[in-house]
């Protein structure tokens, strides 16, 4: 079985360089990393992460913490979880699922990925003694990965305008959280640049609440209106009620969702939506958390990925 020394000899580098490539690849040039990785492949060398964990007094386990109610019929979190697990597997890490903030520190783990965090939860984070990263933007300086929410709704609003809808209404989620503020800002700023007045409804993130909004305000709605929705779940409710009221979608009324994970495809018509790069975000969260653990909790900053606008049948 090949050893670290064998890899160093094959690549004509020091053992310390090989160790850096394995444990801290960000500290090594791409050319040197490629050289060492080629030597590892040639010798069929596999790093012994379990042994490293014992030496460093680690468990090789992290906790995947979900702090919001999730609908198990939607694969949003399943996609995130799968790719997070795939990223962990590269360093032979496993995860434990937790959905109660009071139980985050029960048992042993090397760090935490925290999702669904709200402002009320921050008091728990300041007391954590292990490295953690958040899925979702925040304004408290915590390390995080997210899609660019403001850019996403900017794209949606610009697209609605390009399809010649004359009235653009935003249906947001009734939470005072950074991701929602960013989505509303993307909509508001784009309308103001086009000298249009924003119109916003805020509801809980449920399709039946969206249906209720449409039912209550249908008499006030004008043709050539497009609804920019803060989630696909809300957008599905908007489409459903518009069709129930015999409104013409997408000719008279357009609908754009946000997420692009599942509901956008089962809607009839299928939703035009802002698609989050959920799979990439899962892998980046694993990479950021493991790097933070390796660096004894050093700050990692933030990563904002660009979402894509997917054009489908709910807009003309």
C-alpha atoms as a PDB file:
ATOM      1  CA  UNK A   1       0.000   0.000   0.000  1.00  0.00           C
ATOM      2  CA  UNK A   2       1.377   3.403  -1.008  1.00  0.00           C
ATOM      3  CA  UNK A   3       2.359   5.854   1.727  1.00  0.00           C
ATOM      4  CA  UNK A   4       2.610   9.631   1.979  1.00  0.00           C
ATOM      5  CA  UNK A   5       6.366   9.313   1.439  1.00  0.00           C
ATOM      6  CA  UNK A   6       5.801   7.318  -1.754  1.00  0.00           C
ATOM      7  CA  UNK A   7       3.536  10.062  -3.120  1.00  0.00           C
ATOM      8  CA  UNK A   8       6.089  12.748  -2.226  1.00  0.00           C
ATOM      9  CA  UNK A   9       8.845  10.794  -4.005  1.00  0.00           C
ATOM     10  CA  UNK A  10       6.660  10.189  -7.099  1.00  0.00           C
ATOM     11  CA  UNK A  11       5.754  13.885  -7.326  1.00  0.00           C
ATOM     12  CA  UNK A  12       9.273  15.022  -6.381  1.00  0.00           C
ATOM     13  CA  UNK A  13       7.957  17.228  -3.563  1.00  0.00           C
ATOM     14  CA  UNK A  14       8.173  17.194   0.224  1.00  0.00           C
ATOM     15  CA  UNK A  15       5.816  15.215   2.466  1.00  0.00           C
ATOM     16  CA  UNK A  16       4.614  18.528   3.900  1.00  0.00           C
ATOM     17  CA  UNK A  17       3.531  19.622   0.418  1.00  0.00           C
ATOM     18  CA  UNK A  18       1.582  16.388  -0.070  1.00  0.00           C
ATOM     19  CA  UNK A  19      -0.057  16.886   3.322  1.00  0.00           C
ATOM     20  CA  UNK A  20      -1.060  20.437   2.369  1.00  0.00           C
ATOM     21  CA  UNK A  21      -2.610  19.253  -0.899  1.00  0.00           C
ATOM     22  CA  UNK A  22      -4.706  16.716   1.044  1.00  0.00           C
ATOM     23  CA  UNK A  23      -5.694  18.848   4.023  1.00  0.00           C
ATOM     24  CA  UNK A  24      -5.411  22.460   2.841  1.00  0.00           C
ATOM     25  CA  UNK A  25      -5.583  22.506  -0.984  1.00  0.00           C
ATOM     26  CA  UNK A  26      -6.385  26.226  -0.938  1.00  0.00           C
ATOM     27  CA  UNK A  27      -2.830  26.877   0.297  1.00  0.00           C
ATOM     28  CA  UNK A  28      -1.216  25.190  -2.716  1.00  0.00           C
ATOM     29  CA  UNK A  29      -0.927  26.414  -6.310  1.00  0.00           C
ATOM     30  CA  UNK A  30      -3.118  24.702  -8.898  1.00  0.00           C
ATOM     31  CA  UNK A  31      -0.010  23.418 -10.749  1.00  0.00           C
ATOM     32  CA  UNK A  32       1.479  21.827  -7.628  1.00  0.00           C
ATOM     33  CA  UNK A  33      -1.879  20.391  -6.597  1.00  0.00           C
ATOM     34  CA  UNK A  34      -2.294  18.765 -10.005  1.00  0.00           C
ATOM     35  CA  UNK A  35       1.203  17.258  -9.763  1.00  0.00           C
ATOM     36  CA  UNK A  36       0.513  15.689  -6.366  1.00  0.00           C
ATOM     37  CA  UNK A  37      -2.947  14.472  -7.356  1.00  0.00           C
ATOM     38  CA  UNK A  38      -1.446  12.788 -10.422  1.00  0.00           C
ATOM     39  CA  UNK A  39       1.059  10.989  -8.211  1.00  0.00           C
ATOM     40  CA  UNK A  40      -1.737   9.880  -5.860  1.00  0.00           C
ATOM     41  CA  UNK A  41      -3.693   8.498  -8.820  1.00  0.00           C
ATOM     42  CA  UNK A  42      -0.634   6.697 -10.232  1.00  0.00           C
ATOM     43  CA  UNK A  43       0.072   5.040  -6.879  1.00  0.00           C
ATOM     44  CA  UNK A  44      -3.622   4.501  -6.036  1.00  0.00           C
ATOM     45  CA  UNK A  45      -3.045   6.376  -2.784  1.00  0.00           C
ATOM     46  CA  UNK A  46      -6.050   7.050  -0.523  1.00  0.00           C
ATOM     47  CA  UNK A  47      -5.650   9.434   2.444  1.00  0.00           C
ATOM     48  CA  UNK A  48      -6.524   7.828   5.779  1.00  0.00           C
ATOM     49  CA  UNK A  49      -8.954  10.428   7.117  1.00  0.00           C
ATOM     50  CA  UNK A  50     -10.028   8.204   9.995  1.00  0.00           C
ATOM     51  CA  UNK A  51      -6.475   8.067  11.320  1.00  0.00           C
ATOM     52  CA  UNK A  52      -6.161  11.825  10.884  1.00  0.00           C
ATOM     53  CA  UNK A  53      -9.358  12.323  12.850  1.00  0.00           C
ATOM     54  CA  UNK A  54      -8.009  10.268  15.767  1.00  0.00           C
ATOM     55  CA  UNK A  55      -4.744  12.212  15.785  1.00  0.00           C
ATOM     56  CA  UNK A  56      -6.627  15.532  15.745  1.00  0.00           C
ATOM     57  CA  UNK A  57      -9.189  14.394  18.345  1.00  0.00           C
ATOM     58  CA  UNK A  58     -12.098  14.697  15.922  1.00  0.00           C
ATOM     59  CA  UNK A  59     -15.236  12.659  15.352  1.00  0.00           C
ATOM     60  CA  UNK A  60     -15.510  13.092  11.552  1.00  0.00           C
ATOM     61  CA  UNK A  61     -19.177  13.888  12.175  1.00  0.00           C
ATOM     62  CA  UNK A  62     -20.969  17.194  11.648  1.00  0.00           C
ATOM     63  CA  UNK A  63     -24.576  18.108  12.360  1.00  0.00           C
ATOM     64  CA  UNK A  64     -27.076  19.184   9.707  1.00  0.00           C
ATOM     65  CA  UNK A  65     -29.401  21.488  11.669  1.00  0.00           C
ATOM     66  CA  UNK A  66     -32.824  22.394  10.222  1.00  0.00           C
ATOM     67  CA  UNK A  67     -34.582  25.189  12.117  1.00  0.00           C
ATOM     68  CA  UNK A  68     -37.796  25.467  10.101  1.00  0.00           C
ATOM     69  CA  UNK A  69     -40.728  23.240   9.266  1.00  0.00           C
ATOM     70  CA  UNK A  70     -40.154  21.365   6.041  1.00  0.00           C
ATOM     71  CA  UNK A  71     -42.589  19.699   3.674  1.00  0.00           C
ATOM     72  CA  UNK A  72     -41.222  16.213   3.000  1.00  0.00           C
ATOM     73  CA  UNK A  73     -43.100  16.103  -0.320  1.00  0.00           C
ATOM     74  CA  UNK A  74     -40.777  18.817  -1.647  1.00  0.00           C
ATOM     75  CA  UNK A  75     -37.212  17.717  -2.455  1.00  0.00           C
ATOM     76  CA  UNK A  76     -35.675  21.157  -1.765  1.00  0.00           C
ATOM     77  CA  UNK A  77     -33.943  20.093   1.431  1.00  0.00           C
ATOM     78  CA  UNK A  78     -33.378  16.564   0.127  1.00  0.00           C
ATOM     79  CA  UNK A  79     -31.370  17.994  -2.769  1.00  0.00           C
ATOM     80  CA  UNK A  80     -29.389  20.214  -0.408  1.00  0.00           C
ATOM     81  CA  UNK A  81     -28.815  17.375   2.033  1.00  0.00           C
ATOM     82  CA  UNK A  82     -27.718  14.927  -0.684  1.00  0.00           C
ATOM     83  CA  UNK A  83     -25.091  17.262  -2.109  1.00  0.00           C
ATOM     84  CA  UNK A  84     -23.926  18.309   1.355  1.00  0.00           C
ATOM     85  CA  UNK A  85     -23.415  14.611   2.151  1.00  0.00           C
ATOM     86  CA  UNK A  86     -21.555  14.131  -1.135  1.00  0.00           C
ATOM     87  CA  UNK A  87     -19.219  16.994  -0.226  1.00  0.00           C
ATOM     88  CA  UNK A  88     -18.602  15.512   3.227  1.00  0.00           C
ATOM     89  CA  UNK A  89     -17.844  12.091   1.772  1.00  0.00           C
ATOM     90  CA  UNK A  90     -14.778  13.486   0.017  1.00  0.00           C
ATOM     91  CA  UNK A  91     -13.177  13.756   3.471  1.00  0.00           C
ATOM     92  CA  UNK A  92     -14.946  10.665   4.883  1.00  0.00           C
ATOM     93  CA  UNK A  93     -17.241  12.757   7.071  1.00  0.00           C
ATOM     94  CA  UNK A  94     -20.773  11.797   8.088  1.00  0.00           C
ATOM     95  CA  UNK A  95     -23.635  13.955   9.371  1.00  0.00           C
ATOM     96  CA  UNK A  96     -26.345  13.799  11.998  1.00  0.00           C
ATOM     97  CA  UNK A  97     -29.748  15.455  11.432  1.00  0.00           C
ATOM     98  CA  UNK A  98     -31.022  17.873  14.127  1.00  0.00           C
ATOM     99  CA  UNK A  99     -34.242  19.936  14.103  1.00  0.00           C
ATOM    100  CA  UNK A 100     -34.262  21.365  17.637  1.00  0.00           C
ATOM    101  CA  UNK A 101     -31.915  24.298  18.404  1.00  0.00           C
ATOM    102  CA  UNK A 102     -31.769  23.268  22.044  1.00  0.00           C
ATOM    103  CA  UNK A 103     -30.200  19.942  21.001  1.00  0.00           C
ATOM    104  CA  UNK A 104     -27.503  21.262  18.678  1.00  0.00           C
ATOM    105  CA  UNK A 105     -24.703  20.593  21.157  1.00  0.00           C
ATOM    106  CA  UNK A 106     -25.971  17.249  22.453  1.00  0.00           C
ATOM    107  CA  UNK A 107     -23.484  14.507  21.643  1.00  0.00           C
ATOM    108  CA  UNK A 108     -20.186  14.909  19.807  1.00  0.00           C
ATOM    109  CA  UNK A 109     -19.578  16.627  16.481  1.00  0.00           C
ATOM    110  CA  UNK A 110     -16.833  18.678  14.860  1.00  0.00           C
ATOM    111  CA  UNK A 111     -19.125  21.419  13.541  1.00  0.00           C
ATOM    112  CA  UNK A 112     -22.587  22.421  12.355  1.00  0.00           C
ATOM    113  CA  UNK A 113     -24.356  23.359   9.141  1.00  0.00           C
ATOM    114  CA  UNK A 114     -27.390  25.423  10.151  1.00  0.00           C
ATOM    115  CA  UNK A 115     -30.320  25.932   7.793  1.00  0.00           C
ATOM    116  CA  UNK A 116     -33.638  27.736   8.143  1.00  0.00           C
ATOM    117  CA  UNK A 117     -32.185  30.153  10.713  1.00  0.00           C
ATOM    118  CA  UNK A 118     -34.245  33.136  11.808  1.00  0.00           C
ATOM    119  CA  UNK A 119     -33.228  36.192  13.800  1.00  0.00           C
ATOM    120  CA  UNK A 120     -34.645  34.681  16.995  1.00  0.00           C
ATOM    121  CA  UNK A 121     -32.201  31.767  16.672  1.00  0.00           C
ATOM    122  CA  UNK A 122     -29.045  33.892  16.681  1.00  0.00           C
ATOM    123  CA  UNK A 123     -28.785  33.769  20.480  1.00  0.00           C
ATOM    124  CA  UNK A 124     -27.973  30.057  20.190  1.00  0.00           C
ATOM    125  CA  UNK A 125     -25.250  30.598  17.594  1.00  0.00           C
ATOM    126  CA  UNK A 126     -23.244  33.083  19.661  1.00  0.00           C
ATOM    127  CA  UNK A 127     -22.890  30.427  22.366  1.00  0.00           C
ATOM    128  CA  UNK A 128     -21.737  27.560  20.128  1.00  0.00           C
ATOM    129  CA  UNK A 129     -18.209  26.344  20.856  1.00  0.00           C
ATOM    130  CA  UNK A 130     -17.745  24.467  17.551  1.00  0.00           C
ATOM    131  CA  UNK A 131     -17.330  25.868  14.013  1.00  0.00           C
ATOM    132  CA  UNK A 132     -20.561  26.460  12.094  1.00  0.00           C
ATOM    133  CA  UNK A 133     -21.751  27.891   8.784  1.00  0.00           C
ATOM    134  CA  UNK A 134     -25.225  28.966   7.714  1.00  0.00           C
ATOM    135  CA  UNK A 135     -27.215  28.150   4.626  1.00  0.00           C
ATOM    136  CA  UNK A 136     -28.862  31.497   3.926  1.00  0.00           C
ATOM    137  CA  UNK A 137     -27.675  35.078   3.922  1.00  0.00           C
ATOM    138  CA  UNK A 138     -27.511  36.997   7.192  1.00  0.00           C
ATOM    139  CA  UNK A 139     -26.429  40.428   8.386  1.00  0.00           C
ATOM    140  CA  UNK A 140     -24.671  39.291  11.548  1.00  0.00           C
ATOM    141  CA  UNK A 141     -21.335  38.378   9.992  1.00  0.00           C
ATOM    142  CA  UNK A 142     -21.833  34.616  10.194  1.00  0.00           C
ATOM    143  CA  UNK A 143     -20.222  32.579   7.414  1.00  0.00           C
ATOM    144  CA  UNK A 144     -22.800  31.512   4.833  1.00  0.00           C
ATOM    145  CA  UNK A 145     -23.598  30.185   1.376  1.00  0.00           C
ATOM    146  CA  UNK A 146     -26.700  31.308  -0.528  1.00  0.00           C
ATOM    147  CA  UNK A 147     -27.917  32.302  -3.950  1.00  0.00           C
ATOM    148  CA  UNK A 148     -28.047  36.026  -4.747  1.00  0.00           C
ATOM    149  CA  UNK A 149     -31.663  36.705  -3.763  1.00  0.00           C
ATOM    150  CA  UNK A 150     -31.667  40.327  -4.887  1.00  0.00           C
ATOM    151  CA  UNK A 151     -30.240  39.460  -8.291  1.00  0.00           C
ATOM    152  CA  UNK A 152     -32.774  36.652  -8.676  1.00  0.00           C
ATOM    153  CA  UNK A 153     -35.799  38.924  -8.301  1.00  0.00           C
ATOM    154  CA  UNK A 154     -34.123  41.571 -10.418  1.00  0.00           C
ATOM    155  CA  UNK A 155     -33.924  39.016 -13.219  1.00  0.00           C
ATOM    156  CA  UNK A 156     -37.563  38.015 -12.673  1.00  0.00           C
ATOM    157  CA  UNK A 157     -38.813  41.605 -12.748  1.00  0.00           C
ATOM    158  CA  UNK A 158     -36.768  42.526 -15.799  1.00  0.00           C
ATOM    159  CA  UNK A 159     -38.101  39.479 -17.610  1.00  0.00           C
ATOM    160  CA  UNK A 160     -41.706  40.375 -16.764  1.00  0.00           C
ATOM    161  CA  UNK A 161     -41.123  43.847 -18.181  1.00  0.00           C
ATOM    162  CA  UNK A 162     -39.516  42.403 -21.313  1.00  0.00           C
ATOM    163  CA  UNK A 163     -42.677  40.337 -21.882  1.00  0.00           C
ATOM    164  CA  UNK A 164     -44.639  43.631 -21.932  1.00  0.00           C
ATOM    165  CA  UNK A 165     -46.608  43.124 -18.731  1.00  0.00           C
ATOM    166  CA  UNK A 166     -47.684  46.622 -17.671  1.00  0.00           C
ATOM    167  CA  UNK A 167     -48.368  45.903 -13.984  1.00  0.00           C
ATOM    168  CA  UNK A 168     -45.879  43.999 -11.812  1.00  0.00           C
ATOM    169  CA  UNK A 169     -46.984  42.811  -8.359  1.00  0.00           C
ATOM    170  CA  UNK A 170     -44.707  41.177  -5.784  1.00  0.00           C
ATOM    171  CA  UNK A 171     -46.119  38.450  -3.518  1.00  0.00           C
ATOM    172  CA  UNK A 172     -43.582  37.994  -0.736  1.00  0.00           C
ATOM    173  CA  UNK A 173     -43.171  35.840   2.352  1.00  0.00           C
ATOM    174  CA  UNK A 174     -44.285  37.454   5.590  1.00  0.00           C
ATOM    175  CA  UNK A 175     -40.973  37.167   7.451  1.00  0.00           C
ATOM    176  CA  UNK A 176     -38.527  39.886   8.485  1.00  0.00           C
ATOM    177  CA  UNK A 177     -35.429  38.065   7.311  1.00  0.00           C
ATOM    178  CA  UNK A 178     -32.466  39.016   5.079  1.00  0.00           C
ATOM    179  CA  UNK A 179     -33.362  36.714   2.186  1.00  0.00           C
ATOM    180  CA  UNK A 180     -36.845  38.224   1.935  1.00  0.00           C
ATOM    181  CA  UNK A 181     -35.578  41.805   2.200  1.00  0.00           C
ATOM    182  CA  UNK A 182     -33.131  41.038  -0.608  1.00  0.00           C
ATOM    183  CA  UNK A 183     -35.809  39.557  -2.861  1.00  0.00           C
ATOM    184  CA  UNK A 184     -38.089  42.531  -2.310  1.00  0.00           C
ATOM    185  CA  UNK A 185     -35.169  44.900  -2.977  1.00  0.00           C
ATOM    186  CA  UNK A 186     -34.489  43.226  -6.319  1.00  0.00           C
ATOM    187  CA  UNK A 187     -38.110  43.811  -7.323  1.00  0.00           C
ATOM    188  CA  UNK A 188     -38.445  47.344  -5.914  1.00  0.00           C
ATOM    189  CA  UNK A 189     -35.166  48.656  -7.324  1.00  0.00           C
ATOM    190  CA  UNK A 190     -35.933  47.323 -10.799  1.00  0.00           C
ATOM    191  CA  UNK A 191     -39.403  48.890 -10.859  1.00  0.00           C
ATOM    192  CA  UNK A 192     -38.102  52.224  -9.612  1.00  0.00           C
ATOM    193  CA  UNK A 193     -35.458  52.240 -12.346  1.00  0.00           C
ATOM    194  CA  UNK A 194     -38.322  51.857 -14.805  1.00  0.00           C
ATOM    195  CA  UNK A 195     -40.356  54.604 -13.081  1.00  0.00           C
ATOM    196  CA  UNK A 196     -43.038  52.209 -11.892  1.00  0.00           C
ATOM    197  CA  UNK A 197     -44.668  52.079  -8.463  1.00  0.00           C
ATOM    198  CA  UNK A 198     -44.131  48.831  -6.474  1.00  0.00           C
ATOM    199  CA  UNK A 199     -47.136  46.906  -5.172  1.00  0.00           C
ATOM    200  CA  UNK A 200     -46.441  44.246  -2.550  1.00  0.00           C
ATOM    201  CA  UNK A 201     -48.485  41.603  -0.737  1.00  0.00           C
ATOM    202  CA  UNK A 202     -46.889  39.589   2.074  1.00  0.00           C
ATOM    203  CA  UNK A 203     -48.278  36.212   3.123  1.00  0.00           C
ATOM    204  CA  UNK A 204     -47.096  33.033   4.830  1.00  0.00           C
ATOM    205  CA  UNK A 205     -45.354  30.616   2.505  1.00  0.00           C
ATOM    206  CA  UNK A 206     -48.402  28.469   1.636  1.00  0.00           C
ATOM    207  CA  UNK A 207     -50.205  28.041  -1.668  1.00  0.00           C
ATOM    208  CA  UNK A 208     -53.670  28.391  -0.098  1.00  0.00           C
ATOM    209  CA  UNK A 209     -52.688  31.818   1.283  1.00  0.00           C
ATOM    210  CA  UNK A 210     -51.698  32.856  -2.230  1.00  0.00           C
ATOM    211  CA  UNK A 211     -55.055  31.658  -3.529  1.00  0.00           C
ATOM    212  CA  UNK A 212     -56.791  33.718  -0.878  1.00  0.00           C
ATOM    213  CA  UNK A 213     -54.917  36.888  -1.899  1.00  0.00           C
ATOM    214  CA  UNK A 214     -55.927  36.455  -5.539  1.00  0.00           C
ATOM    215  CA  UNK A 215     -59.543  35.758  -4.599  1.00  0.00           C
ATOM    216  CA  UNK A 216     -59.735  38.851  -2.372  1.00  0.00           C
ATOM    217  CA  UNK A 217     -58.166  41.231  -4.906  1.00  0.00           C
ATOM    218  CA  UNK A 218     -59.289  39.811  -8.232  1.00  0.00           C
ATOM    219  CA  UNK A 219     -61.714  42.659  -8.893  1.00  0.00           C
ATOM    220  CA  UNK A 220     -58.830  45.136  -8.561  1.00  0.00           C
ATOM    221  CA  UNK A 221     -56.449  43.282 -10.867  1.00  0.00           C
ATOM    222  CA  UNK A 222     -55.887  44.624 -14.351  1.00  0.00           C
ATOM    223  CA  UNK A 223     -54.978  42.604 -17.402  1.00  0.00           C
ATOM    224  CA  UNK A 224     -51.308  42.596 -18.396  1.00  0.00           C
ATOM    225  CA  UNK A 225     -50.278  41.926 -14.779  1.00  0.00           C
ATOM    226  CA  UNK A 226     -47.362  39.694 -13.792  1.00  0.00           C
ATOM    227  CA  UNK A 227     -46.931  38.338 -10.278  1.00  0.00           C
ATOM    228  CA  UNK A 228     -43.353  38.058  -9.011  1.00  0.00           C
ATOM    229  CA  UNK A 229     -43.525  35.466  -6.218  1.00  0.00           C
ATOM    230  CA  UNK A 230     -40.986  34.878  -3.450  1.00  0.00           C
ATOM    231  CA  UNK A 231     -41.378  31.088  -3.732  1.00  0.00           C
ATOM    232  CA  UNK A 232     -42.682  28.469  -6.122  1.00  0.00           C
ATOM    233  CA  UNK A 233     -45.172  27.416  -3.466  1.00  0.00           C
ATOM    234  CA  UNK A 234     -46.747  30.879  -3.523  1.00  0.00           C
ATOM    235  CA  UNK A 235     -46.612  30.973  -7.330  1.00  0.00           C
ATOM    236  CA  UNK A 236     -48.467  27.645  -7.581  1.00  0.00           C
ATOM    237  CA  UNK A 237     -51.280  29.091  -5.454  1.00  0.00           C
ATOM    238  CA  UNK A 238     -51.458  32.222  -7.596  1.00  0.00           C
ATOM    239  CA  UNK A 239     -51.708  30.177 -10.808  1.00  0.00           C
ATOM    240  CA  UNK A 240     -54.269  27.829  -9.315  1.00  0.00           C
ATOM    241  CA  UNK A 241     -56.622  30.624  -8.221  1.00  0.00           C
ATOM    242  CA  UNK A 242     -56.229  32.617 -11.432  1.00  0.00           C
ATOM    243  CA  UNK A 243     -57.277  29.557 -13.442  1.00  0.00           C
ATOM    244  CA  UNK A 244     -60.108  28.878 -11.013  1.00  0.00           C
ATOM    245  CA  UNK A 245     -61.354  32.411 -11.672  1.00  0.00           C
ATOM    246  CA  UNK A 246     -61.189  31.733 -15.458  1.00  0.00           C
ATOM    247  CA  UNK A 247     -58.351  34.226 -15.911  1.00  0.00           C
ATOM    248  CA  UNK A 248     -56.059  33.716 -18.887  1.00  0.00           C
ATOM    249  CA  UNK A 249     -52.553  32.587 -17.904  1.00  0.00           C
ATOM    250  CA  UNK A 250     -50.139  33.674 -19.348  1.00  0.00           C
ATOM    251  CA  UNK A 251     -51.854  36.000 -21.857  1.00  0.00           C
ATOM    252  CA  UNK A 252     -53.501  38.331 -19.349  1.00  0.00           C
ATOM    253  CA  UNK A 253     -51.689  37.314 -16.164  1.00  0.00           C
ATOM    254  CA  UNK A 254     -48.116  36.076 -15.810  1.00  0.00           C
ATOM    255  CA  UNK A 255     -46.616  34.312 -12.793  1.00  0.00           C
ATOM    256  CA  UNK A 256     -42.935  33.896 -11.866  1.00  0.00           C
ATOM    257  CA  UNK A 257     -41.842  31.728  -8.946  1.00  0.00           C
ATOM    258  CA  UNK A 258     -38.614  31.289  -6.986  1.00  0.00           C
ATOM    259  CA  UNK A 259     -36.687  28.089  -6.121  1.00  0.00           C
ATOM    260  CA  UNK A 260     -36.876  25.851  -9.193  1.00  0.00           C
ATOM    261  CA  UNK A 261     -36.560  22.565  -7.361  1.00  0.00           C
ATOM    262  CA  UNK A 262     -39.837  20.676  -7.861  1.00  0.00           C
ATOM    263  CA  UNK A 263     -43.122  22.592  -7.739  1.00  0.00           C
ATOM    264  CA  UNK A 264     -42.220  24.636 -10.806  1.00  0.00           C
ATOM    265  CA  UNK A 265     -42.362  21.471 -12.929  1.00  0.00           C
ATOM    266  CA  UNK A 266     -45.567  19.947 -11.551  1.00  0.00           C
ATOM    267  CA  UNK A 267     -47.526  23.189 -11.870  1.00  0.00           C
ATOM    268  CA  UNK A 268     -49.890  23.406 -14.844  1.00  0.00           C
ATOM    269  CA  UNK A 269     -48.783  25.420 -16.720  1.00  0.00           C
ATOM    270  CA  UNK A 270     -45.206  24.857 -15.619  1.00  0.00           C
ATOM    271  CA  UNK A 271     -43.767  27.856 -13.815  1.00  0.00           C
ATOM    272  CA  UNK A 272     -41.351  30.396 -15.095  1.00  0.00           C
ATOM    273  CA  UNK A 273     -39.098  30.573 -12.057  1.00  0.00           C
ATOM    274  CA  UNK A 274     -35.811  31.758 -10.570  1.00  0.00           C
ATOM    275  CA  UNK A 275     -33.844  28.561 -10.078  1.00  0.00           C
ATOM    276  CA  UNK A 276     -31.487  28.359  -7.118  1.00  0.00           C
ATOM    277  CA  UNK A 277     -28.269  26.364  -7.705  1.00  0.00           C
ATOM    278  CA  UNK A 278     -29.175  24.124  -4.771  1.00  0.00           C
ATOM    279  CA  UNK A 279     -26.870  21.239  -5.702  1.00  0.00           C
ATOM    280  CA  UNK A 280     -23.805  23.449  -5.973  1.00  0.00           C
ATOM    281  CA  UNK A 281     -24.709  25.222  -2.731  1.00  0.00           C
ATOM    282  CA  UNK A 282     -24.821  21.889  -0.886  1.00  0.00           C
ATOM    283  CA  UNK A 283     -21.305  20.972  -1.968  1.00  0.00           C
ATOM    284  CA  UNK A 284     -19.962  24.442  -1.182  1.00  0.00           C
ATOM    285  CA  UNK A 285     -21.486  24.326   2.305  1.00  0.00           C
ATOM    286  CA  UNK A 286     -19.658  21.055   3.000  1.00  0.00           C
ATOM    287  CA  UNK A 287     -16.409  22.482   1.638  1.00  0.00           C
ATOM    288  CA  UNK A 288     -16.731  25.688   3.683  1.00  0.00           C
ATOM    289  CA  UNK A 289     -17.581  23.875   6.922  1.00  0.00           C
ATOM    290  CA  UNK A 290     -14.775  21.306   6.629  1.00  0.00           C
ATOM    291  CA  UNK A 291     -12.289  24.040   5.793  1.00  0.00           C
ATOM    292  CA  UNK A 292     -13.444  26.030   8.820  1.00  0.00           C
ATOM    293  CA  UNK A 293     -13.001  22.949  11.022  1.00  0.00           C
ATOM    294  CA  UNK A 294      -9.486  22.388   9.612  1.00  0.00           C
ATOM    295  CA  UNK A 295      -8.652  26.043  10.304  1.00  0.00           C
ATOM    296  CA  UNK A 296      -9.838  25.902  13.928  1.00  0.00           C
ATOM    297  CA  UNK A 297     -12.891  28.068  13.322  1.00  0.00           C
ATOM    298  CA  UNK A 298     -11.285  30.816  11.226  1.00  0.00           C
ATOM    299  CA  UNK A 299     -13.874  33.022   9.425  1.00  0.00           C
ATOM    300  CA  UNK A 300     -14.710  31.881   5.893  1.00  0.00           C
ATOM    301  CA  UNK A 301     -16.833  34.808   4.713  1.00  0.00           C
ATOM    302  CA  UNK A 302     -19.759  34.444   2.337  1.00  0.00           C
ATOM    303  CA  UNK A 303     -20.485  32.829  -1.016  1.00  0.00           C
ATOM    304  CA  UNK A 304     -23.346  34.137  -3.174  1.00  0.00           C
ATOM    305  CA  UNK A 305     -24.155  32.145  -6.300  1.00  0.00           C
ATOM    306  CA  UNK A 306     -26.029  33.522  -9.285  1.00  0.00           C
ATOM    307  CA  UNK A 307     -29.499  31.994  -9.823  1.00  0.00           C
ATOM    308  CA  UNK A 308     -30.913  31.299 -13.300  1.00  0.00           C
ATOM    309  CA  UNK A 309     -34.220  32.415 -14.753  1.00  0.00           C
ATOM    310  CA  UNK A 310     -36.041  29.419 -16.251  1.00  0.00           C
ATOM    311  CA  UNK A 311     -38.667  30.427 -18.835  1.00  0.00           C
ATOM    312  CA  UNK A 312     -41.780  28.273 -19.000  1.00  0.00           C
ATOM    313  CA  UNK A 313     -45.524  28.428 -19.659  1.00  0.00           C
ATOM    314  CA  UNK A 314     -46.692  30.702 -16.826  1.00  0.00           C
ATOM    315  CA  UNK A 315     -45.420  33.777 -18.691  1.00  0.00           C
ATOM    316  CA  UNK A 316     -45.965  34.782 -22.283  1.00  0.00           C
END
